[in-house]
Amino acid sequence: MRDIIHLQCQDCKRKNYSTTKNKKTTTGKLEFNKFCRFCGGYRVHREAK
């Protein structure tokens, strides 16, 4: 039921994190404010395709 998704930085467009998501209860794209080691700061990470 839970699918693995990847979180992509919105500034440098690199995939930094992976997590799981229940697609039945959460239909929209996930968005978190996480640390990007390539940008060197806290950036918005959104669910990638």
N, C-alpha and C. Protein backbone atom coordinates (compact mmCIF):
# COMPACT_ATOMS: atom_id res chain seq x y z
N MET A 1 0.82 -1.19 0.00
CA MET A 1 0.00 0.00 0.00
C MET A 1 0.87 1.26 0.00
N ARG A 2 2.01 1.22 0.67
CA ARG A 2 2.89 2.39 0.71
C ARG A 2 3.92 2.30 -0.41
N ASP A 3 4.14 3.41 -1.08
CA ASP A 3 5.09 3.46 -2.19
C ASP A 3 6.29 4.31 -1.80
N ILE A 4 7.45 3.94 -2.33
CA ILE A 4 8.68 4.70 -2.08
C ILE A 4 8.69 5.89 -3.04
N ILE A 5 8.95 7.09 -2.49
CA ILE A 5 9.05 8.29 -3.31
C ILE A 5 10.39 8.96 -3.03
N HIS A 6 10.83 9.81 -3.94
CA HIS A 6 12.07 10.56 -3.79
C HIS A 6 11.75 12.04 -3.66
N LEU A 7 12.49 12.73 -2.79
CA LEU A 7 12.32 14.16 -2.60
C LEU A 7 13.42 14.89 -3.34
N GLN A 8 13.05 15.88 -4.13
CA GLN A 8 13.97 16.61 -4.99
C GLN A 8 14.05 18.06 -4.53
N CYS A 9 15.28 18.59 -4.43
CA CYS A 9 15.49 19.99 -4.07
C CYS A 9 14.96 20.88 -5.19
N GLN A 10 14.26 21.94 -4.82
CA GLN A 10 13.66 22.82 -5.82
C GLN A 10 14.65 23.85 -6.35
N ASP A 11 15.82 24.00 -5.71
CA ASP A 11 16.83 24.94 -6.20
C ASP A 11 17.81 24.27 -7.15
N CYS A 12 18.45 23.17 -6.71
CA CYS A 12 19.47 22.53 -7.54
C CYS A 12 18.93 21.32 -8.30
N LYS A 13 17.69 20.90 -8.04
CA LYS A 13 17.01 19.81 -8.74
C LYS A 13 17.67 18.45 -8.54
N ARG A 14 18.34 18.25 -7.41
CA ARG A 14 18.95 16.95 -7.12
C ARG A 14 18.05 16.17 -6.16
N LYS A 15 18.03 14.85 -6.34
CA LYS A 15 17.24 13.98 -5.47
C LYS A 15 18.09 13.61 -4.25
N ASN A 16 17.69 14.10 -3.08
CA ASN A 16 18.49 13.94 -1.88
C ASN A 16 17.91 12.93 -0.89
N TYR A 17 16.61 12.82 -0.79
CA TYR A 17 15.97 12.00 0.22
C TYR A 17 14.98 11.05 -0.40
N SER A 18 14.71 9.95 0.30
CA SER A 18 13.64 9.03 -0.10
C SER A 18 12.82 8.71 1.13
N THR A 19 11.52 8.52 0.93
CA THR A 19 10.59 8.22 2.00
C THR A 19 9.44 7.42 1.43
N THR A 20 8.50 7.03 2.28
CA THR A 20 7.34 6.29 1.81
C THR A 20 6.08 7.13 1.96
N LYS A 21 5.08 6.81 1.17
CA LYS A 21 3.84 7.58 1.16
C LYS A 21 2.67 6.65 0.88
N ASN A 22 1.59 6.84 1.61
CA ASN A 22 0.37 6.09 1.37
C ASN A 22 -0.43 6.87 0.33
N LYS A 23 -0.56 6.32 -0.87
CA LYS A 23 -1.19 7.05 -1.97
C LYS A 23 -2.72 7.13 -1.84
N LYS A 24 -3.32 6.28 -1.00
CA LYS A 24 -4.76 6.36 -0.82
C LYS A 24 -5.15 7.57 0.03
N THR A 25 -4.40 7.83 1.09
CA THR A 25 -4.76 8.93 2.00
C THR A 25 -4.14 10.25 1.60
N THR A 26 -2.97 10.23 0.97
CA THR A 26 -2.28 11.44 0.55
C THR A 26 -2.22 11.47 -0.96
N THR A 27 -3.10 12.24 -1.57
CA THR A 27 -3.16 12.23 -3.03
C THR A 27 -2.28 13.30 -3.65
N GLY A 28 -1.98 14.38 -2.91
CA GLY A 28 -1.14 15.45 -3.44
C GLY A 28 0.34 15.13 -3.30
N LYS A 29 1.17 16.02 -3.82
CA LYS A 29 2.62 15.84 -3.71
C LYS A 29 3.11 16.32 -2.35
N LEU A 30 4.02 15.55 -1.76
CA LEU A 30 4.59 15.93 -0.47
C LEU A 30 5.61 17.04 -0.66
N GLU A 31 5.72 17.89 0.34
CA GLU A 31 6.67 19.00 0.29
C GLU A 31 7.20 19.23 1.70
N PHE A 32 8.54 19.18 1.86
CA PHE A 32 9.18 19.36 3.15
C PHE A 32 10.29 20.39 3.03
N ASN A 33 10.61 21.03 4.14
CA ASN A 33 11.75 21.94 4.22
C ASN A 33 12.89 21.16 4.85
N LYS A 34 13.85 20.69 4.03
CA LYS A 34 14.93 19.83 4.50
C LYS A 34 16.28 20.41 4.07
N PHE A 35 17.35 19.90 4.68
CA PHE A 35 18.70 20.37 4.39
C PHE A 35 19.20 19.76 3.09
N CYS A 36 19.72 20.60 2.20
CA CYS A 36 20.32 20.15 0.95
C CYS A 36 21.83 20.29 1.08
N ARG A 37 22.54 19.19 1.00
CA ARG A 37 24.00 19.25 1.16
C ARG A 37 24.70 19.86 -0.04
N PHE A 38 24.03 19.88 -1.18
CA PHE A 38 24.63 20.47 -2.38
C PHE A 38 24.48 21.99 -2.39
N CYS A 39 23.33 22.49 -1.93
CA CYS A 39 23.10 23.94 -1.83
C CYS A 39 23.71 24.52 -0.57
N GLY A 40 23.81 23.71 0.47
CA GLY A 40 24.39 24.16 1.72
C GLY A 40 23.42 24.90 2.62
N GLY A 41 22.15 24.55 2.57
CA GLY A 41 21.17 25.20 3.42
C GLY A 41 19.84 24.47 3.40
N TYR A 42 18.90 24.98 4.17
CA TYR A 42 17.57 24.39 4.21
C TYR A 42 16.76 24.91 3.02
N ARG A 43 16.27 23.97 2.22
CA ARG A 43 15.53 24.30 1.01
C ARG A 43 14.25 23.48 0.96
N VAL A 44 13.33 23.87 0.11
CA VAL A 44 12.09 23.13 -0.09
C VAL A 44 12.40 21.91 -0.95
N HIS A 45 11.97 20.75 -0.47
CA HIS A 45 12.12 19.49 -1.21
C HIS A 45 10.72 19.00 -1.52
N ARG A 46 10.46 18.71 -2.80
CA ARG A 46 9.15 18.28 -3.26
C ARG A 46 9.25 16.88 -3.85
N GLU A 47 8.15 16.18 -3.83
CA GLU A 47 8.10 14.83 -4.38
C GLU A 47 8.39 14.85 -5.87
N ALA A 48 9.31 13.99 -6.29
CA ALA A 48 9.71 13.91 -7.70
C ALA A 48 8.96 12.76 -8.38
N LYS A 49 8.97 12.75 -9.70
CA LYS A 49 8.32 11.68 -10.46
C LYS A 49 9.12 10.40 -10.37
